Amino acid sequence: MIRLRYLTGGVRYLAGSALALALAACSSAPLHYYTLVPPAAEAPAGAPAAFQFELLPVGVPAQVDQPQLVVRQGGQGVAPLNGERWIAPLADEVRGALSADLAHALNTQDVTGLPAGSKPVLRIKLDLRRFDSQPGEYALIDAAWSVRQPKGGAVLACTSRIRESVGPGYDALVQGHQQALARLAAQIAAVAGPVAAGQPASCP
């Protein structure tokens, strides 16, 4: 009986040790953080724009408004990737990336939250309807956006659907979304100048 109790206790000890090691392995799994904000670029050549812009808070779909990257699996399935995360809330990441891309494309500044200066301020609004991620295949954004003339003038409202093919890996997937946002910024920039000047403009 004494020997049996000893063996039973040993089994319990080994089982407890195995569980502790498994939990430690799970807790030590590395986390990878990603950003959509592009690296700082050199100031573009040429004269700065005659206006500045204000980029309002960005709306993102609830399905992907998570700390984790959310990827598609088949036709209906999605999966949040616990080890792959955004460094900031997705709406802030998208807004930060678009602000940087617009500032570079327009050669002007995003003055959101700053006192109004001498230049007129163009107001830009963006709502993402879709933000789809399929690793190894594509990064897709579907956006509704508008550009409003300074001092509450006329509004140009447009939609854009941009798909970028991506290679394997999550770095490539995030880069695909960066490229899609850069293309979106180029489309917005193409009409921002005419709208700010009160000239006719049409959606790209």
Protein backbone atom coordinates (compact mmCIF):
# COMPACT_ATOMS: atom_id res chain seq x y z
CA MET A 1 0.00 0.00 0.00
CA ILE A 2 2.80 2.38 0.78
CA ARG A 3 4.41 1.69 -2.57
CA LEU A 4 1.10 2.22 -4.40
CA ARG A 5 0.58 5.58 -2.73
CA TYR A 6 4.10 6.58 -3.70
CA LEU A 7 3.55 5.62 -7.33
CA THR A 8 0.22 7.44 -7.44
CA GLY A 9 1.82 10.57 -6.06
CA GLY A 10 4.63 10.29 -8.60
CA VAL A 11 2.17 10.03 -11.47
CA ARG A 12 0.36 13.09 -10.20
CA TYR A 13 3.66 14.96 -9.93
CA LEU A 14 4.66 14.04 -13.47
CA ALA A 15 1.26 15.00 -14.84
CA GLY A 16 1.40 18.33 -13.03
CA SER A 17 4.89 18.99 -14.36
CA ALA A 18 3.82 18.20 -17.92
CA LEU A 19 0.86 20.58 -17.61
CA ALA A 20 3.09 23.33 -16.24
CA LEU A 21 5.55 22.88 -19.11
CA ALA A 22 2.73 22.98 -21.66
CA LEU A 23 1.33 26.18 -20.16
CA ALA A 24 4.80 27.74 -20.10
CA ALA A 25 5.28 26.86 -23.77
CA CYS A 26 1.96 28.47 -24.67
CA SER A 27 2.64 31.58 -22.64
CA SER A 28 6.07 32.02 -24.22
CA ALA A 29 4.81 31.82 -27.82
CA PRO A 30 6.19 34.94 -29.54
CA LEU A 31 3.87 37.76 -30.57
CA HIS A 32 4.49 39.59 -33.83
CA TYR A 33 3.31 43.18 -34.22
CA TYR A 34 2.58 44.95 -37.50
CA THR A 35 1.90 48.49 -38.65
CA LEU A 36 0.27 49.86 -41.77
CA VAL A 37 2.07 53.19 -41.46
CA PRO A 38 4.77 53.35 -44.16
CA PRO A 39 8.38 54.29 -43.36
CA ALA A 40 9.08 58.02 -43.40
CA ALA A 41 9.77 59.24 -46.93
CA GLU A 42 11.74 62.21 -48.17
CA ALA A 43 9.75 65.36 -48.76
CA PRO A 44 8.49 65.46 -52.35
CA ALA A 45 10.02 67.92 -54.77
CA GLY A 46 8.00 70.84 -56.04
CA ALA A 47 5.89 73.54 -54.48
CA PRO A 48 3.64 72.58 -51.56
CA ALA A 49 -0.10 72.56 -52.08
CA ALA A 50 -2.05 75.77 -51.51
CA PHE A 51 -4.19 73.97 -48.94
CA GLN A 52 -3.89 71.62 -45.99
CA PHE A 53 -6.18 68.75 -45.08
CA GLU A 54 -8.01 67.28 -42.13
CA LEU A 55 -8.49 63.52 -42.11
CA LEU A 56 -11.43 62.55 -39.91
CA PRO A 57 -11.46 59.35 -37.80
CA VAL A 58 -11.67 56.28 -40.01
CA GLY A 59 -14.39 53.66 -39.77
CA VAL A 60 -13.49 49.97 -40.13
CA PRO A 61 -15.73 46.88 -40.31
CA ALA A 62 -16.55 45.35 -36.93
CA GLN A 63 -15.44 41.91 -38.15
CA VAL A 64 -11.80 43.01 -38.39
CA ASP A 65 -11.75 45.63 -35.64
CA GLN A 66 -9.64 43.37 -33.42
CA PRO A 67 -6.11 43.51 -31.99
CA GLN A 68 -5.29 40.41 -34.03
CA LEU A 69 -4.95 40.13 -37.79
CA VAL A 70 -8.18 38.53 -39.02
CA VAL A 71 -7.82 36.35 -42.12
CA ARG A 72 -10.27 34.57 -44.35
CA GLN A 73 -10.51 30.78 -44.39
CA GLY A 74 -12.49 29.50 -47.34
CA GLY A 75 -15.73 31.13 -48.39
CA GLN A 76 -17.32 31.78 -45.00
CA GLY A 77 -14.68 31.18 -42.34
CA VAL A 78 -12.46 33.76 -40.67
CA ALA A 79 -9.80 33.38 -38.00
CA PRO A 80 -8.15 35.88 -35.65
CA LEU A 81 -4.43 35.15 -35.45
CA ASN A 82 -3.49 35.42 -31.78
CA GLY A 83 0.23 35.57 -32.49
CA GLU A 84 -0.05 38.23 -35.23
CA ARG A 85 -1.28 41.61 -34.00
CA TRP A 86 -1.61 45.26 -34.95
CA ILE A 87 0.56 47.60 -32.90
CA ALA A 88 -2.43 49.98 -32.54
CA PRO A 89 -6.20 49.71 -33.14
CA LEU A 90 -6.87 48.98 -36.80
CA ALA A 91 -8.82 52.22 -37.35
CA ASP A 92 -5.84 54.21 -36.06
CA GLU A 93 -3.45 52.19 -38.21
CA VAL A 94 -5.48 52.84 -41.36
CA ARG A 95 -5.84 56.53 -40.55
CA GLY A 96 -2.13 56.90 -39.81
CA ALA A 97 -1.15 55.18 -43.06
CA LEU A 98 -3.59 57.19 -45.18
CA SER A 99 -2.56 60.46 -43.52
CA ALA A 100 1.11 59.81 -44.28
CA ASP A 101 0.37 58.77 -47.87
CA LEU A 102 -1.85 61.81 -48.49
CA ALA A 103 0.66 64.24 -46.96
CA HIS A 104 3.33 62.88 -49.31
CA ALA A 105 1.10 62.73 -52.40
CA LEU A 106 -0.28 66.26 -51.87
CA ASN A 107 2.94 67.79 -50.49
CA THR A 108 1.01 69.31 -47.61
CA GLN A 109 0.15 68.59 -43.96
CA ASP A 110 -2.58 66.82 -42.05
CA VAL A 111 -3.65 69.51 -39.55
CA THR A 112 -6.23 67.41 -37.70
CA GLY A 113 -6.49 68.72 -34.14
CA LEU A 114 -4.21 71.70 -34.82
CA PRO A 115 -5.16 75.40 -34.90
CA ALA A 116 -6.24 76.64 -38.29
CA GLY A 117 -3.45 78.37 -40.19
CA SER A 118 -3.54 80.73 -43.12
CA LYS A 119 -4.15 78.00 -45.71
CA PRO A 120 -7.64 76.63 -46.37
CA VAL A 121 -8.31 73.16 -44.97
CA LEU A 122 -9.79 70.36 -47.07
CA ARG A 123 -11.82 67.82 -45.07
CA ILE A 124 -11.41 64.14 -45.98
CA LYS A 125 -13.52 61.29 -44.61
CA LEU A 126 -13.03 57.54 -45.10
CA ASP A 127 -15.09 54.51 -44.12
CA LEU A 128 -13.82 51.04 -44.96
CA ARG A 129 -16.62 48.69 -45.91
CA ARG A 130 -14.31 45.71 -46.32
CA PHE A 131 -10.78 44.93 -45.19
CA ASP A 132 -10.17 41.38 -46.40
CA SER A 133 -6.98 39.41 -45.86
CA GLN A 134 -6.18 36.12 -47.57
CA PRO A 135 -2.56 35.12 -46.83
CA GLY A 136 -0.66 34.15 -49.94
CA GLU A 137 -3.42 35.45 -52.21
CA TYR A 138 -4.69 39.00 -51.74
CA ALA A 139 -5.26 42.07 -49.57
CA LEU A 140 -8.47 43.91 -50.39
CA ILE A 141 -10.07 47.16 -49.26
CA ASP A 142 -13.48 48.49 -50.22
CA ALA A 143 -13.84 52.13 -49.20
CA ALA A 144 -16.35 54.96 -49.27
CA TRP A 145 -14.70 58.36 -49.03
CA SER A 146 -15.48 62.02 -49.48
CA VAL A 147 -13.60 65.27 -49.98
CA ARG A 148 -15.22 68.52 -48.82
CA GLN A 149 -14.25 71.98 -49.93
CA PRO A 150 -12.88 74.35 -47.28
CA LYS A 151 -15.39 76.21 -45.09
CA GLY A 152 -18.19 73.70 -45.62
CA GLY A 153 -18.36 73.89 -49.42
CA ALA A 154 -19.36 71.24 -51.94
CA VAL A 155 -18.63 67.57 -51.31
CA LEU A 156 -17.33 64.94 -53.73
CA ALA A 157 -18.27 61.42 -52.55
CA CYS A 158 -16.66 58.36 -54.13
CA THR A 159 -16.02 54.65 -53.62
CA SER A 160 -12.90 52.60 -54.29
CA ARG A 161 -12.28 48.87 -54.42
CA ILE A 162 -8.60 47.95 -54.45
CA ARG A 163 -7.12 44.46 -54.47
CA GLU A 164 -3.41 43.67 -54.18
CA SER A 165 -1.95 40.24 -54.86
CA VAL A 166 0.36 39.11 -52.04
CA GLY A 167 2.98 36.45 -51.54
CA PRO A 168 3.15 33.95 -48.67
CA GLY A 169 3.57 35.15 -45.10
CA TYR A 170 2.01 37.81 -42.93
CA ASP A 171 4.66 40.43 -43.74
CA ALA A 172 3.61 40.22 -47.38
CA LEU A 173 -0.05 40.44 -46.40
CA VAL A 174 0.49 43.63 -44.39
CA GLN A 175 2.60 45.07 -47.19
CA GLY A 176 -0.28 44.36 -49.58
CA HIS A 177 -2.62 46.42 -47.40
CA GLN A 178 -0.02 49.20 -47.26
CA GLN A 179 0.10 49.24 -51.06
CA ALA A 180 -3.70 49.23 -51.30
CA LEU A 181 -3.90 52.24 -48.97
CA ALA A 182 -1.20 54.03 -50.97
CA ARG A 183 -3.25 53.51 -54.13
CA LEU A 184 -6.33 54.82 -52.33
CA ALA A 185 -4.39 57.90 -51.21
CA ALA A 186 -3.35 58.50 -54.83
CA GLN A 187 -6.98 58.36 -55.95
CA ILE A 188 -8.02 60.85 -53.25
CA ALA A 189 -5.08 63.12 -54.03
CA ALA A 190 -6.01 63.17 -57.71
CA VAL A 191 -9.28 64.99 -56.92
CA ALA A 192 -8.24 66.91 -53.80
CA GLY A 193 -6.56 69.75 -55.69
CA PRO A 194 -9.49 70.50 -58.02
CA VAL A 195 -12.00 70.22 -55.15
CA ALA A 196 -9.96 72.60 -52.99
CA ALA A 197 -9.82 75.08 -55.88
CA GLY A 198 -13.56 74.87 -56.47
CA GLN A 199 -13.08 73.28 -59.89
CA PRO A 200 -15.19 70.42 -61.33
CA ALA A 201 -13.94 67.00 -60.27
CA SER A 202 -15.15 63.44 -60.76
CA CYS A 203 -14.41 60.23 -58.93
CA PRO A 204 -11.43 58.26 -60.25
